[in-house]
N, C-alpha and C. Protein backbone atom coordinates (compact mmCIF):
# COMPACT_ATOMS: atom_id res chain seq x y z
N UNK A 1 0.83 -1.18 0.00
CA UNK A 1 0.00 0.00 0.00
C UNK A 1 0.88 1.25 0.00
N UNK A 2 0.39 2.27 -0.61
CA UNK A 2 1.05 3.56 -0.62
C UNK A 2 0.01 4.61 -0.91
N UNK A 3 0.42 5.83 -0.82
CA UNK A 3 -0.53 6.91 -1.12
C UNK A 3 -0.10 7.55 -2.42
N UNK A 4 -0.98 7.51 -3.39
CA UNK A 4 -0.69 8.03 -4.73
C UNK A 4 -1.69 9.13 -5.05
N UNK A 5 -1.26 10.36 -5.04
CA UNK A 5 -2.15 11.50 -5.28
C UNK A 5 -2.68 11.47 -6.69
N UNK A 6 -3.93 11.08 -6.84
CA UNK A 6 -4.62 11.12 -8.12
C UNK A 6 -3.74 10.60 -9.25
N UNK A 7 -3.23 9.39 -9.07
CA UNK A 7 -2.29 8.82 -10.03
C UNK A 7 -2.89 8.55 -11.39
N UNK A 8 -4.20 8.41 -11.49
CA UNK A 8 -4.82 8.16 -12.77
C UNK A 8 -4.88 6.69 -13.14
N UNK A 9 -4.20 5.84 -12.38
CA UNK A 9 -4.30 4.41 -12.64
C UNK A 9 -5.58 3.89 -12.03
N UNK A 10 -6.12 2.84 -12.57
CA UNK A 10 -7.42 2.33 -12.11
C UNK A 10 -7.39 1.90 -10.65
N UNK A 11 -6.24 1.52 -10.13
CA UNK A 11 -6.18 1.08 -8.74
C UNK A 11 -6.12 2.24 -7.76
N UNK A 12 -5.81 3.44 -8.23
CA UNK A 12 -5.56 4.54 -7.31
C UNK A 12 -6.45 5.74 -7.57
N UNK A 13 -7.64 5.53 -8.10
CA UNK A 13 -8.48 6.68 -8.41
C UNK A 13 -9.77 6.70 -7.60
N UNK A 14 -9.75 6.27 -6.34
CA UNK A 14 -10.96 6.17 -5.55
C UNK A 14 -11.12 7.22 -4.47
N UNK A 15 -10.48 8.36 -4.57
CA UNK A 15 -10.55 9.35 -3.50
C UNK A 15 -11.25 10.58 -4.01
N UNK A 16 -12.26 11.11 -3.39
CA UNK A 16 -13.07 10.53 -2.32
C UNK A 16 -14.12 9.59 -2.87
N UNK A 17 -14.79 8.90 -1.99
CA UNK A 17 -15.79 7.92 -2.41
C UNK A 17 -17.04 8.64 -2.94
N UNK A 18 -17.32 8.46 -4.19
CA UNK A 18 -18.51 9.05 -4.79
C UNK A 18 -19.79 8.44 -4.24
N UNK A 19 -19.76 7.14 -3.97
CA UNK A 19 -20.93 6.49 -3.40
C UNK A 19 -21.27 7.10 -2.04
N UNK A 20 -20.26 7.30 -1.23
CA UNK A 20 -20.49 7.86 0.10
C UNK A 20 -20.99 9.30 0.00
N UNK A 21 -20.47 10.07 -0.94
CA UNK A 21 -20.90 11.46 -1.10
C UNK A 21 -22.38 11.54 -1.51
N UNK A 22 -22.76 10.74 -2.48
CA UNK A 22 -24.14 10.78 -2.97
C UNK A 22 -25.13 10.33 -1.89
N UNK A 23 -24.80 9.24 -1.23
CA UNK A 23 -25.73 8.72 -0.22
C UNK A 23 -25.73 9.55 1.06
N UNK A 24 -24.64 10.26 1.33
CA UNK A 24 -24.64 11.18 2.47
C UNK A 24 -25.59 12.34 2.20
N UNK A 25 -25.57 12.89 0.99
CA UNK A 25 -26.50 13.96 0.65
C UNK A 25 -27.94 13.47 0.77
N UNK A 26 -28.21 12.29 0.26
CA UNK A 26 -29.56 11.74 0.35
C UNK A 26 -29.99 11.51 1.81
N UNK A 27 -29.10 10.94 2.60
CA UNK A 27 -29.43 10.67 4.00
C UNK A 27 -29.63 11.96 4.78
N UNK A 28 -28.85 12.99 4.51
CA UNK A 28 -29.03 14.26 5.21
C UNK A 28 -30.33 14.95 4.82
N UNK A 29 -30.74 14.80 3.57
CA UNK A 29 -32.02 15.36 3.15
C UNK A 29 -33.17 14.64 3.85
N UNK A 30 -33.09 13.32 3.93
CA UNK A 30 -34.12 12.57 4.65
C UNK A 30 -34.07 12.92 6.14
N UNK A 31 -32.88 13.07 6.69
CA UNK A 31 -32.70 13.46 8.10
C UNK A 31 -33.40 14.78 8.38
N UNK A 32 -33.27 15.74 7.47
CA UNK A 32 -33.83 17.07 7.67
C UNK A 32 -35.35 17.08 7.56
N UNK A 33 -35.89 16.41 6.56
CA UNK A 33 -37.32 16.54 6.28
C UNK A 33 -38.19 15.41 6.85
N UNK A 34 -37.57 14.31 7.22
CA UNK A 34 -38.30 13.19 7.82
C UNK A 34 -37.58 12.73 9.08
N UNK A 35 -37.73 13.46 10.19
CA UNK A 35 -36.95 13.15 11.40
C UNK A 35 -37.19 11.76 11.97
N UNK A 36 -38.32 11.15 11.68
CA UNK A 36 -38.59 9.82 12.24
C UNK A 36 -37.68 8.75 11.63
N UNK A 37 -37.01 9.04 10.52
CA UNK A 37 -36.14 8.07 9.87
C UNK A 37 -34.65 8.34 10.13
N UNK A 38 -34.34 9.10 11.15
CA UNK A 38 -32.94 9.45 11.41
C UNK A 38 -32.09 8.23 11.73
N UNK A 39 -32.59 7.33 12.55
CA UNK A 39 -31.81 6.14 12.88
C UNK A 39 -31.59 5.25 11.66
N UNK A 40 -32.56 5.20 10.79
CA UNK A 40 -32.41 4.43 9.56
C UNK A 40 -31.32 5.04 8.68
N UNK A 41 -31.31 6.35 8.57
CA UNK A 41 -30.29 7.03 7.76
C UNK A 41 -28.89 6.77 8.28
N UNK A 42 -28.71 6.91 9.58
CA UNK A 42 -27.39 6.69 10.17
C UNK A 42 -26.98 5.22 10.00
N UNK A 43 -27.91 4.32 10.22
CA UNK A 43 -27.60 2.89 10.09
C UNK A 43 -27.18 2.54 8.66
N UNK A 44 -27.92 3.07 7.69
CA UNK A 44 -27.59 2.76 6.30
C UNK A 44 -26.26 3.38 5.87
N UNK A 45 -25.98 4.59 6.35
CA UNK A 45 -24.68 5.20 6.03
C UNK A 45 -23.53 4.42 6.64
N UNK A 46 -23.68 3.98 7.87
CA UNK A 46 -22.63 3.18 8.51
C UNK A 46 -22.46 1.83 7.80
N UNK A 47 -23.57 1.24 7.37
CA UNK A 47 -23.50 -0.02 6.63
C UNK A 47 -22.79 0.17 5.29
N UNK A 48 -23.10 1.25 4.61
CA UNK A 48 -22.43 1.55 3.34
C UNK A 48 -20.94 1.78 3.56
N UNK A 49 -20.59 2.57 4.57
CA UNK A 49 -19.18 2.84 4.85
C UNK A 49 -18.43 1.55 5.17
N UNK A 50 -19.02 0.72 6.01
CA UNK A 50 -18.37 -0.55 6.36
C UNK A 50 -18.21 -1.45 5.15
N UNK A 51 -19.24 -1.51 4.31
CA UNK A 51 -19.15 -2.40 3.15
C UNK A 51 -18.13 -1.90 2.13
N UNK A 52 -17.99 -0.59 1.98
CA UNK A 52 -16.98 -0.06 1.06
C UNK A 52 -15.57 -0.36 1.54
N UNK A 53 -15.38 -0.35 2.85
CA UNK A 53 -14.05 -0.62 3.40
C UNK A 53 -13.76 -2.12 3.41
N UNK A 54 -14.72 -2.93 3.86
CA UNK A 54 -14.51 -4.37 3.98
C UNK A 54 -14.30 -5.03 2.62
N UNK A 55 -14.99 -4.56 1.61
CA UNK A 55 -14.84 -5.15 0.27
C UNK A 55 -13.66 -4.57 -0.50
N UNK A 56 -12.87 -3.72 0.14
CA UNK A 56 -11.65 -3.12 -0.43
C UNK A 56 -11.91 -2.24 -1.64
N UNK A 57 -13.08 -1.64 -1.70
CA UNK A 57 -13.32 -0.65 -2.75
C UNK A 57 -12.69 0.68 -2.38
N UNK A 58 -12.63 0.99 -1.08
CA UNK A 58 -12.07 2.26 -0.62
C UNK A 58 -11.35 2.06 0.70
N UNK A 59 -10.43 2.97 0.96
CA UNK A 59 -9.81 3.07 2.27
C UNK A 59 -10.72 3.88 3.18
N UNK A 60 -10.43 3.86 4.47
CA UNK A 60 -11.21 4.64 5.43
C UNK A 60 -11.17 6.12 5.07
N UNK A 61 -10.01 6.62 4.67
CA UNK A 61 -9.89 8.04 4.32
C UNK A 61 -10.78 8.40 3.14
N UNK A 62 -10.93 7.51 2.18
CA UNK A 62 -11.80 7.75 1.03
C UNK A 62 -13.25 7.89 1.47
N UNK A 63 -13.66 7.04 2.39
CA UNK A 63 -15.05 7.03 2.86
C UNK A 63 -15.33 8.29 3.68
N UNK A 64 -14.40 8.65 4.55
CA UNK A 64 -14.58 9.87 5.36
C UNK A 64 -14.61 11.11 4.47
N UNK A 65 -13.71 11.17 3.50
CA UNK A 65 -13.69 12.31 2.58
C UNK A 65 -14.97 12.39 1.76
N UNK A 66 -15.50 11.26 1.34
CA UNK A 66 -16.77 11.23 0.60
C UNK A 66 -17.93 11.71 1.45
N UNK A 67 -17.95 11.30 2.72
CA UNK A 67 -19.01 11.74 3.62
C UNK A 67 -18.91 13.24 3.88
N UNK A 68 -17.70 13.75 4.06
CA UNK A 68 -17.53 15.20 4.26
C UNK A 68 -17.91 15.99 3.02
N UNK A 69 -17.58 15.47 1.86
CA UNK A 69 -17.97 16.12 0.61
C UNK A 69 -19.49 16.15 0.48
N UNK A 70 -20.15 15.06 0.81
CA UNK A 70 -21.61 15.01 0.77
C UNK A 70 -22.23 15.99 1.75
N UNK A 71 -21.66 16.08 2.96
CA UNK A 71 -22.15 17.04 3.95
C UNK A 71 -21.99 18.47 3.44
N UNK A 72 -20.85 18.76 2.83
CA UNK A 72 -20.61 20.11 2.31
C UNK A 72 -21.59 20.45 1.20
N UNK A 73 -21.84 19.53 0.30
CA UNK A 73 -22.80 19.77 -0.79
C UNK A 73 -24.19 20.01 -0.22
N UNK A 74 -24.60 19.20 0.74
CA UNK A 74 -25.91 19.37 1.37
C UNK A 74 -26.02 20.73 2.06
N UNK A 75 -25.00 21.12 2.79
CA UNK A 75 -25.03 22.39 3.51
C UNK A 75 -25.11 23.58 2.55
N UNK A 76 -24.34 23.55 1.49
CA UNK A 76 -24.34 24.66 0.53
C UNK A 76 -25.68 24.76 -0.18
N UNK A 77 -26.22 23.65 -0.63
CA UNK A 77 -27.50 23.67 -1.34
C UNK A 77 -28.63 24.12 -0.43
N UNK A 78 -28.68 23.58 0.79
CA UNK A 78 -29.74 23.99 1.73
C UNK A 78 -29.61 25.46 2.10
N UNK A 79 -28.40 25.92 2.32
CA UNK A 79 -28.20 27.33 2.64
C UNK A 79 -28.69 28.22 1.50
N UNK A 80 -28.37 27.84 0.29
CA UNK A 80 -28.80 28.62 -0.86
C UNK A 80 -30.32 28.61 -1.02
N UNK A 81 -30.91 27.43 -0.96
CA UNK A 81 -32.35 27.33 -1.17
C UNK A 81 -33.15 28.00 -0.05
N UNK A 82 -32.75 27.79 1.20
CA UNK A 82 -33.51 28.36 2.30
C UNK A 82 -33.28 29.86 2.43
N UNK A 83 -32.13 30.36 2.01
CA UNK A 83 -31.94 31.81 2.03
C UNK A 83 -32.77 32.49 0.95
N UNK A 84 -32.94 31.85 -0.19
CA UNK A 84 -33.82 32.39 -1.23
C UNK A 84 -35.26 32.38 -0.76
N UNK A 85 -35.66 31.29 -0.09
CA UNK A 85 -37.03 31.19 0.41
C UNK A 85 -37.29 32.24 1.49
N UNK A 86 -36.32 32.46 2.34
CA UNK A 86 -36.46 33.45 3.41
C UNK A 86 -36.59 34.86 2.82
N UNK A 87 -35.83 35.14 1.79
CA UNK A 87 -35.89 36.46 1.16
C UNK A 87 -37.23 36.70 0.47
N UNK A 88 -37.84 35.66 -0.05
CA UNK A 88 -39.13 35.80 -0.74
C UNK A 88 -40.27 35.99 0.26
N UNK A 89 -40.27 35.20 1.34
CA UNK A 89 -41.41 35.21 2.24
C UNK A 89 -41.19 36.05 3.49
N UNK A 90 -39.94 36.26 3.87
CA UNK A 90 -39.65 37.01 5.08
C UNK A 90 -39.75 36.18 6.35
N UNK A 91 -39.95 34.85 6.20
CA UNK A 91 -40.03 33.97 7.36
C UNK A 91 -38.78 33.10 7.41
N UNK A 92 -38.41 32.67 8.59
CA UNK A 92 -37.20 31.84 8.68
C UNK A 92 -37.40 30.47 8.07
N UNK A 93 -36.30 29.86 7.68
CA UNK A 93 -36.35 28.55 7.03
C UNK A 93 -36.43 27.44 8.07
N UNK A 94 -36.93 26.24 7.66
CA UNK A 94 -36.99 25.12 8.60
C UNK A 94 -35.59 24.59 8.89
N UNK A 95 -35.42 24.05 10.07
CA UNK A 95 -34.15 23.41 10.44
C UNK A 95 -33.18 24.39 10.86
């Protein structure tokens, strides 16, 4: 094992995990709008993270970076959408 910064070879191009980023955004959206499913969201994200690591598709750092990327995308999009909504109606946004 070694660390190869975006080497371009098929074995070294998995940083960050795109699967983790996409499903983190989805889980955070469900977390925000359907609070009764929060435990399900966390459980499924942990299951996905464990399966990506155990099956050797990604290293732990890839999975963590993918989750952080997903969180950042969710935060930016929600901030943009809710600030536009607040400016139109004059009421605060949910969450």
